[in-house]
Amino acid sequence: QPLVEVPGQYEAGLEPAMEQLAVIDRIAPGVTVVRDAASGATQRRFVLLSDSLTRHTFYLNGPSPLRPHASLSVERLSQLLRLLTRRLLRYRETRRRAVTLALPLSMRINDRGVVLCECDPSETSLA
């Protein structure tokens, strides 16, 4: 049986310990299709079940007919949010309240613009 790791476990270039790695056990049976009415983009959400009995929700984000190169801006947006977070952390009140701006973890799947993004239901979206 081949072992495939759950995507997005390597943060800041550090490799986690072998006992902390989550390995995909199976894929949950349901796939949800979500359509954005404003842009016409569709997302397919699915759940990966790991060997440690945790659920990892991801969605596939493809190019929409109105914005075919939108997936290229994901890297630029993450750079901008990193810069803004660094700027916010200069102020004492934002450090005290632990205010940070974050994008979901995203990985480009192919050169046509399909992106695999992590979807955490416990986070609040400002979109």
Foldseek 3Di string as FASTA:
>chain_A
DDWDFDPDPQPPNDDDDPVPTWTFPAWDPDWDWDADPPQRWIKIKTWTQTPVRDIWIKIKTAAGPRGQCVLVCPVVVQVVQVVVQVVQVVDPVCVVVVDGDHDFDWDDDDPRRIIIGTDDPVDDDPD
